[in-house]
Amino acid sequence: MNTNKKDKTATRRQAFRCSGQQLDAILRFAEERKLDQQPLHLVVAEFWRYQAHAKAA
C-alpha cells in the first residue's frame, strides 16, 4: 500500500463505489438543494437519507 497521499486519491465514483448514473443523481441532488459547497460525503449521506424517506412514504 502506498503511503503517498497523492497516490491514494480516488475519483469520486470510486471513492463512494457508485455507478456514473448514481453519481450524476447525487450531484443533481446537491445542486437542487444548494449543497454544492458541502463535503461530498455529507451530500451522499443526505441523498441516501432522502431516498430511504421517499421509499418509506
PDB file of N, CA and C in Angstrom:
ATOM      1  N   MET A   1       0.841  -1.179   0.000  1.00  0.00           N
ATOM      2  CA  MET A   1       0.000   0.000   0.000  1.00  0.00           C
ATOM      3  C   MET A   1       0.881   1.236   0.000  1.00  0.00           C
ATOM      4  N   ASN A   2       0.572   2.167  -0.855  1.00  0.00           N
ATOM      5  CA  ASN A   2       1.356   3.395  -0.934  1.00  0.00           C
ATOM      6  C   ASN A   2       1.025   4.317   0.225  1.00  0.00           C
ATOM      7  N   THR A   3       2.043   5.010   0.709  1.00  0.00           N
ATOM      8  CA  THR A   3       1.806   5.973   1.774  1.00  0.00           C
ATOM      9  C   THR A   3       1.743   7.387   1.232  1.00  0.00           C
ATOM     10  N   ASN A   4       2.061   7.560  -0.030  1.00  0.00           N
ATOM     11  CA  ASN A   4       1.997   8.875  -0.641  1.00  0.00           C
ATOM     12  C   ASN A   4       0.536   9.265  -0.825  1.00  0.00           C
ATOM     13  N   LYS A   5       0.153  10.388  -0.217  1.00  0.00           N
ATOM     14  CA  LYS A   5      -1.248  10.807  -0.257  1.00  0.00           C
ATOM     15  C   LYS A   5      -1.742  10.997  -1.687  1.00  0.00           C
ATOM     16  N   LYS A   6      -0.888  11.476  -2.556  1.00  0.00           N
ATOM     17  CA  LYS A   6      -1.291  11.719  -3.934  1.00  0.00           C
ATOM     18  C   LYS A   6      -1.710  10.416  -4.618  1.00  0.00           C
ATOM     19  N   ASP A   7      -1.073   9.318  -4.270  1.00  0.00           N
ATOM     20  CA  ASP A   7      -1.395   8.033  -4.877  1.00  0.00           C
ATOM     21  C   ASP A   7      -2.685   7.429  -4.325  1.00  0.00           C
ATOM     22  N   LYS A   8      -3.141   7.902  -3.183  1.00  0.00           N
ATOM     23  CA  LYS A   8      -4.331   7.341  -2.555  1.00  0.00           C
ATOM     24  C   LYS A   8      -5.621   7.971  -3.052  1.00  0.00           C
ATOM     25  N   THR A   9      -5.520   9.106  -3.704  1.00  0.00           N
ATOM     26  CA  THR A   9      -6.743   9.775  -4.125  1.00  0.00           C
ATOM     27  C   THR A   9      -7.465   8.950  -5.170  1.00  0.00           C
ATOM     28  N   ALA A  10      -8.767   8.921  -5.057  1.00  0.00           N
ATOM     29  CA  ALA A  10      -9.604   8.178  -5.995  1.00  0.00           C
ATOM     30  C   ALA A  10     -10.600   9.146  -6.610  1.00  0.00           C
ATOM     31  N   THR A  11     -11.157   8.735  -7.716  1.00  0.00           N
ATOM     32  CA  THR A  11     -12.199   9.561  -8.294  1.00  0.00           C
ATOM     33  C   THR A  11     -13.402   9.516  -7.370  1.00  0.00           C
ATOM     34  N   ARG A  12     -14.290  10.466  -7.527  1.00  0.00           N
ATOM     35  CA  ARG A  12     -15.476  10.495  -6.671  1.00  0.00           C
ATOM     36  C   ARG A  12     -16.266   9.198  -6.792  1.00  0.00           C
ATOM     37  N   ARG A  13     -16.416   8.714  -8.005  1.00  0.00           N
ATOM     38  CA  ARG A  13     -17.200   7.499  -8.220  1.00  0.00           C
ATOM     39  C   ARG A  13     -16.543   6.311  -7.526  1.00  0.00           C
ATOM     40  N   GLN A  14     -15.226   6.206  -7.622  1.00  0.00           N
ATOM     41  CA  GLN A  14     -14.525   5.098  -6.974  1.00  0.00           C
ATOM     42  C   GLN A  14     -14.581   5.224  -5.454  1.00  0.00           C
ATOM     43  N   ALA A  15     -14.485   6.442  -4.957  1.00  0.00           N
ATOM     44  CA  ALA A  15     -14.472   6.659  -3.513  1.00  0.00           C
ATOM     45  C   ALA A  15     -15.773   6.210  -2.862  1.00  0.00           C
ATOM     46  N   PHE A  16     -16.887   6.376  -3.555  1.00  0.00           N
ATOM     47  CA  PHE A  16     -18.181   6.010  -2.983  1.00  0.00           C
ATOM     48  C   PHE A  16     -18.759   4.753  -3.607  1.00  0.00           C
ATOM     49  N   ARG A  17     -18.007   4.117  -4.468  1.00  0.00           N
ATOM     50  CA  ARG A  17     -18.423   2.865  -5.116  1.00  0.00           C
ATOM     51  C   ARG A  17     -19.833   2.966  -5.693  1.00  0.00           C
ATOM     52  N   CYS A  18     -20.009   3.934  -6.564  1.00  0.00           N
ATOM     53  CA  CYS A  18     -21.309   4.090  -7.198  1.00  0.00           C
ATOM     54  C   CYS A  18     -21.122   4.144  -8.710  1.00  0.00           C
ATOM     55  N   SER A  19     -22.200   3.940  -9.409  1.00  0.00           N
ATOM     56  CA  SER A  19     -22.142   3.988 -10.869  1.00  0.00           C
ATOM     57  C   SER A  19     -22.143   5.446 -11.320  1.00  0.00           C
ATOM     58  N   GLY A  20     -21.866   5.658 -12.573  1.00  0.00           N
ATOM     59  CA  GLY A  20     -21.895   7.007 -13.124  1.00  0.00           C
ATOM     60  C   GLY A  20     -23.274   7.627 -13.009  1.00  0.00           C
ATOM     61  N   GLN A  21     -24.311   6.815 -13.198  1.00  0.00           N
ATOM     62  CA  GLN A  21     -25.685   7.316 -13.081  1.00  0.00           C
ATOM     63  C   GLN A  21     -25.991   7.731 -11.645  1.00  0.00           C
ATOM     64  N   GLN A  22     -25.520   6.944 -10.689  1.00  0.00           N
ATOM     65  CA  GLN A  22     -25.747   7.287  -9.286  1.00  0.00           C
ATOM     66  C   GLN A  22     -25.028   8.581  -8.928  1.00  0.00           C
ATOM     67  N   LEU A  23     -23.787   8.726  -9.385  1.00  0.00           N
ATOM     68  CA  LEU A  23     -23.037   9.941  -9.095  1.00  0.00           C
ATOM     69  C   LEU A  23     -23.728  11.148  -9.711  1.00  0.00           C
ATOM     70  N   ASP A  24     -24.215  11.016 -10.937  1.00  0.00           N
ATOM     71  CA  ASP A  24     -24.944  12.112 -11.575  1.00  0.00           C
ATOM     72  C   ASP A  24     -26.169  12.491 -10.752  1.00  0.00           C
ATOM     73  N   ALA A  25     -26.902  11.493 -10.267  1.00  0.00           N
ATOM     74  CA  ALA A  25     -28.095  11.754  -9.455  1.00  0.00           C
ATOM     75  C   ALA A  25     -27.721  12.456  -8.151  1.00  0.00           C
ATOM     76  N   ILE A  26     -26.628  12.034  -7.538  1.00  0.00           N
ATOM     77  CA  ILE A  26     -26.182  12.645  -6.287  1.00  0.00           C
ATOM     78  C   ILE A  26     -25.775  14.093  -6.520  1.00  0.00           C
ATOM     79  N   LEU A  27     -25.051  14.352  -7.592  1.00  0.00           N
ATOM     80  CA  LEU A  27     -24.629  15.719  -7.884  1.00  0.00           C
ATOM     81  C   LEU A  27     -25.815  16.604  -8.244  1.00  0.00           C
ATOM     82  N   ARG A  28     -26.791  16.055  -8.974  1.00  0.00           N
ATOM     83  CA  ARG A  28     -28.023  16.799  -9.268  1.00  0.00           C
ATOM     84  C   ARG A  28     -28.763  17.132  -7.973  1.00  0.00           C
ATOM     85  N   PHE A  29     -28.849  16.148  -7.076  1.00  0.00           N
ATOM     86  CA  PHE A  29     -29.481  16.330  -5.771  1.00  0.00           C
ATOM     87  C   PHE A  29     -28.801  17.475  -5.019  1.00  0.00           C
ATOM     88  N   ALA A  30     -27.474  17.498  -5.037  1.00  0.00           N
ATOM     89  CA  ALA A  30     -26.721  18.551  -4.349  1.00  0.00           C
ATOM     90  C   ALA A  30     -27.025  19.922  -4.944  1.00  0.00           C
ATOM     91  N   GLU A  31     -27.066  20.007  -6.261  1.00  0.00           N
ATOM     92  CA  GLU A  31     -27.354  21.288  -6.910  1.00  0.00           C
ATOM     93  C   GLU A  31     -28.763  21.763  -6.581  1.00  0.00           C
ATOM     94  N   GLU A  32     -29.731  20.854  -6.628  1.00  0.00           N
ATOM     95  CA  GLU A  32     -31.126  21.220  -6.363  1.00  0.00           C
ATOM     96  C   GLU A  32     -31.328  21.723  -4.942  1.00  0.00           C
ATOM     97  N   ARG A  33     -30.580  21.203  -4.011  1.00  0.00           N
ATOM     98  CA  ARG A  33     -30.751  21.558  -2.602  1.00  0.00           C
ATOM     99  C   ARG A  33     -29.670  22.500  -2.092  1.00  0.00           C
ATOM    100  N   LYS A  34     -28.932  23.088  -3.004  1.00  0.00           N
ATOM    101  CA  LYS A  34     -27.882  24.061  -2.661  1.00  0.00           C
ATOM    102  C   LYS A  34     -26.846  23.473  -1.706  1.00  0.00           C
ATOM    103  N   LEU A  35     -26.486  22.214  -1.961  1.00  0.00           N
ATOM    104  CA  LEU A  35     -25.477  21.541  -1.144  1.00  0.00           C
ATOM    105  C   LEU A  35     -24.139  21.454  -1.875  1.00  0.00           C
ATOM    106  N   ASP A  36     -23.980  22.239  -2.931  1.00  0.00           N
ATOM    107  CA  ASP A  36     -22.785  22.171  -3.775  1.00  0.00           C
ATOM    108  C   ASP A  36     -21.488  22.364  -2.993  1.00  0.00           C
ATOM    109  N   GLN A  37     -21.530  23.223  -1.985  1.00  0.00           N
ATOM    110  CA  GLN A  37     -20.311  23.559  -1.257  1.00  0.00           C
ATOM    111  C   GLN A  37     -20.046  22.630  -0.072  1.00  0.00           C
ATOM    112  N   GLN A  38     -20.938  21.699   0.178  1.00  0.00           N
ATOM    113  CA  GLN A  38     -20.762  20.760   1.285  1.00  0.00           C
ATOM    114  C   GLN A  38     -19.810  19.634   0.868  1.00  0.00           C
ATOM    115  N   PRO A  39     -19.124  19.035   1.838  1.00  0.00           N
ATOM    116  CA  PRO A  39     -18.281  17.878   1.510  1.00  0.00           C
ATOM    117  C   PRO A  39     -19.128  16.769   0.886  1.00  0.00           C
ATOM    118  N   LEU A  40     -18.554  16.075  -0.059  1.00  0.00           N
ATOM    119  CA  LEU A  40     -19.304  15.074  -0.816  1.00  0.00           C
ATOM    120  C   LEU A  40     -19.860  13.975   0.079  1.00  0.00           C
ATOM    121  N   HIS A  41     -19.123  13.578   1.109  1.00  0.00           N
ATOM    122  CA  HIS A  41     -19.635  12.507   1.969  1.00  0.00           C
ATOM    123  C   HIS A  41     -20.916  12.926   2.690  1.00  0.00           C
ATOM    124  N   LEU A  42     -21.064  14.202   3.010  1.00  0.00           N
ATOM    125  CA  LEU A  42     -22.300  14.675   3.636  1.00  0.00           C
ATOM    126  C   LEU A  42     -23.444  14.707   2.633  1.00  0.00           C
ATOM    127  N   VAL A  43     -23.140  15.089   1.410  1.00  0.00           N
ATOM    128  CA  VAL A  43     -24.153  15.106   0.354  1.00  0.00           C
ATOM    129  C   VAL A  43     -24.639  13.684   0.082  1.00  0.00           C
ATOM    130  N   VAL A  44     -23.713  12.738   0.026  1.00  0.00           N
ATOM    131  CA  VAL A  44     -24.075  11.339  -0.223  1.00  0.00           C
ATOM    132  C   VAL A  44     -24.963  10.823   0.906  1.00  0.00           C
ATOM    133  N   ALA A  45     -24.606  11.125   2.148  1.00  0.00           N
ATOM    134  CA  ALA A  45     -25.417  10.686   3.287  1.00  0.00           C
ATOM    135  C   ALA A  45     -26.817  11.286   3.213  1.00  0.00           C
ATOM    136  N   GLU A  46     -26.910  12.560   2.892  1.00  0.00           N
ATOM    137  CA  GLU A  46     -28.214  13.214   2.783  1.00  0.00           C
ATOM    138  C   GLU A  46     -29.023  12.636   1.626  1.00  0.00           C
ATOM    139  N   PHE A  47     -28.352  12.326   0.524  1.00  0.00           N
ATOM    140  CA  PHE A  47     -29.018  11.725  -0.632  1.00  0.00           C
ATOM    141  C   PHE A  47     -29.644  10.387  -0.255  1.00  0.00           C
ATOM    142  N   TRP A  48     -28.901   9.520   0.432  1.00  0.00           N
ATOM    143  CA  TRP A  48     -29.429   8.204   0.803  1.00  0.00           C
ATOM    144  C   TRP A  48     -30.518   8.319   1.862  1.00  0.00           C
ATOM    145  N   ARG A  49     -30.390   9.307   2.763  1.00  0.00           N
ATOM    146  CA  ARG A  49     -31.446   9.557   3.738  1.00  0.00           C
ATOM    147  C   ARG A  49     -32.739   9.953   3.029  1.00  0.00           C
ATOM    148  N   TYR A  50     -32.613  10.822   2.040  1.00  0.00           N
ATOM    149  CA  TYR A  50     -33.768  11.266   1.259  1.00  0.00           C
ATOM    150  C   TYR A  50     -34.385  10.087   0.508  1.00  0.00           C
ATOM    151  N   GLN A  51     -33.546   9.246  -0.095  1.00  0.00           N
ATOM    152  CA  GLN A  51     -34.042   8.083  -0.833  1.00  0.00           C
ATOM    153  C   GLN A  51     -34.800   7.130   0.092  1.00  0.00           C
ATOM    154  N   ALA A  52     -34.265   6.898   1.280  1.00  0.00           N
ATOM    155  CA  ALA A  52     -34.914   5.999   2.234  1.00  0.00           C
ATOM    156  C   ALA A  52     -36.255   6.570   2.685  1.00  0.00           C
ATOM    157  N   HIS A  53     -36.295   7.867   2.918  1.00  0.00           N
ATOM    158  CA  HIS A  53     -37.532   8.512   3.343  1.00  0.00           C
ATOM    159  C   HIS A  53     -38.579   8.452   2.228  1.00  0.00           C
ATOM    160  N   ALA A  54     -38.153   8.649   0.987  1.00  0.00           N
ATOM    161  CA  ALA A  54     -39.073   8.612  -0.155  1.00  0.00           C
ATOM    162  C   ALA A  54     -39.659   7.210  -0.333  1.00  0.00           C
ATOM    163  N   LYS A  55     -38.855   6.179  -0.114  1.00  0.00           N
ATOM    164  CA  LYS A  55     -39.341   4.799  -0.251  1.00  0.00           C
ATOM    165  C   LYS A  55     -40.304   4.437   0.872  1.00  0.00           C
ATOM    166  N   ALA A  56     -40.071   4.988   2.056  1.00  0.00           N
ATOM    167  CA  ALA A  56     -40.920   4.679   3.203  1.00  0.00           C
ATOM    168  C   ALA A  56     -42.286   5.360   3.091  1.00  0.00           C
ATOM    169  N   ALA A  57     -42.336   6.461   2.374  1.00  0.00           N
ATOM    170  CA  ALA A  57     -43.603   7.222   2.266  1.00  0.00           C
ATOM    171  C   ALA A  57     -44.576   6.593   1.309  1.00  0.00           C
TER     172      ALA A  57
END
